[in-house]
């Protein structure tokens, strides 16, 4: 069995989280990418519902990242038990 590349997998997961967050916000709020970045620069334009969606989307992305970390932890334990 080849050793898992934990560093690469975790780095990739953390690197992608920003893009996944942006894409989810654009989808949920029906925003274009330019609108997303304008909302960052002008936060007063964000409605209460949009702010609540930001928290919901961020929480979902963090849960996905934690699931990745758990999988990598389990892969490492499985690899170590075989060697």
Protein backbone atom coordinates (compact mmCIF):
# COMPACT_ATOMS: atom_id res chain seq x y z
CA UNK A 1 0.00 0.00 0.00
CA UNK A 2 1.27 3.46 -0.91
CA UNK A 3 1.53 5.91 1.97
CA UNK A 4 -1.22 8.54 1.89
CA UNK A 5 -0.11 12.02 0.91
CA UNK A 6 -1.78 13.70 3.85
CA UNK A 7 -0.04 17.03 3.36
CA UNK A 8 -1.14 17.32 -0.27
CA UNK A 9 -4.70 16.25 0.50
CA UNK A 10 -5.13 18.62 3.44
CA UNK A 11 -3.46 21.51 1.64
CA UNK A 12 -5.69 21.01 -1.37
CA UNK A 13 -8.80 20.84 0.80
CA UNK A 14 -7.90 24.02 2.64
CA UNK A 15 -6.90 25.79 -0.57
CA UNK A 16 -10.22 24.93 -2.21
CA UNK A 17 -12.43 26.03 0.68
CA UNK A 18 -12.45 29.70 -0.41
CA UNK A 19 -13.53 28.84 -3.93
CA UNK A 20 -16.18 26.40 -2.71
CA UNK A 21 -17.52 29.05 -0.32
CA UNK A 22 -17.69 31.65 -3.10
CA UNK A 23 -19.40 29.25 -5.51
CA UNK A 24 -21.97 28.22 -2.90
CA UNK A 25 -22.75 31.84 -2.02
CA UNK A 26 -23.16 32.71 -5.69
CA UNK A 27 -25.50 29.76 -6.15
CA UNK A 28 -27.57 30.32 -3.01
CA UNK A 29 -27.92 34.10 -3.45
CA UNK A 30 -28.09 34.07 -7.28
CA UNK A 31 -25.01 36.30 -7.47
CA UNK A 32 -22.45 36.59 -10.23
CA UNK A 33 -18.77 36.44 -9.31
CA UNK A 34 -18.39 40.24 -9.66
CA UNK A 35 -21.39 40.70 -7.36
CA UNK A 36 -19.79 38.41 -4.77
CA UNK A 37 -16.65 40.56 -4.71
CA UNK A 38 -18.66 43.79 -4.65
CA UNK A 39 -20.49 42.46 -1.59
CA UNK A 40 -17.13 41.96 0.12
CA UNK A 41 -16.19 45.58 -0.56
CA UNK A 42 -19.63 46.95 0.38
CA UNK A 43 -20.95 44.79 3.23
CA UNK A 44 -23.74 47.25 4.00
CA UNK A 45 -25.47 45.95 0.84
CA UNK A 46 -25.90 42.49 2.38
CA UNK A 47 -29.38 41.70 3.67
CA UNK A 48 -30.01 39.85 6.91
CA UNK A 49 -31.02 36.76 4.91
CA UNK A 50 -27.75 36.93 2.94
CA UNK A 51 -25.76 37.26 6.16
CA UNK A 52 -27.52 34.22 7.57
CA UNK A 53 -26.74 32.34 4.36
CA UNK A 54 -23.05 33.29 4.70
CA UNK A 55 -22.95 31.61 8.11
CA UNK A 56 -24.82 28.55 6.84
CA UNK A 57 -22.55 28.15 3.81
CA UNK A 58 -19.37 28.72 5.83
CA UNK A 59 -20.45 26.14 8.39
CA UNK A 60 -21.16 23.58 5.65
CA UNK A 61 -17.74 24.13 4.06
CA UNK A 62 -16.03 23.76 7.45
CA UNK A 63 -17.90 20.51 8.09
CA UNK A 64 -16.65 19.22 4.72
CA UNK A 65 -13.09 20.17 5.67
CA UNK A 66 -13.42 18.41 9.03
CA UNK A 67 -14.69 15.31 7.23
CA UNK A 68 -11.61 15.41 4.99
CA UNK A 69 -9.37 15.67 8.07
CA UNK A 70 -11.16 12.70 9.66
CA UNK A 71 -10.72 10.63 6.48
CA UNK A 72 -7.02 11.45 6.33
CA UNK A 73 -6.65 10.55 10.00
CA UNK A 74 -8.34 7.20 9.39
CA UNK A 75 -6.24 6.56 6.27
CA UNK A 76 -3.10 7.18 8.28
CA UNK A 77 -4.21 4.79 11.02
CA UNK A 78 -5.09 2.13 8.44
CA UNK A 79 -1.72 2.57 6.72
CA UNK A 80 0.17 2.37 10.01
CA UNK A 81 -1.66 -0.80 11.04
CA UNK A 82 -0.56 -2.50 7.81
CA UNK A 83 3.12 -1.67 8.31
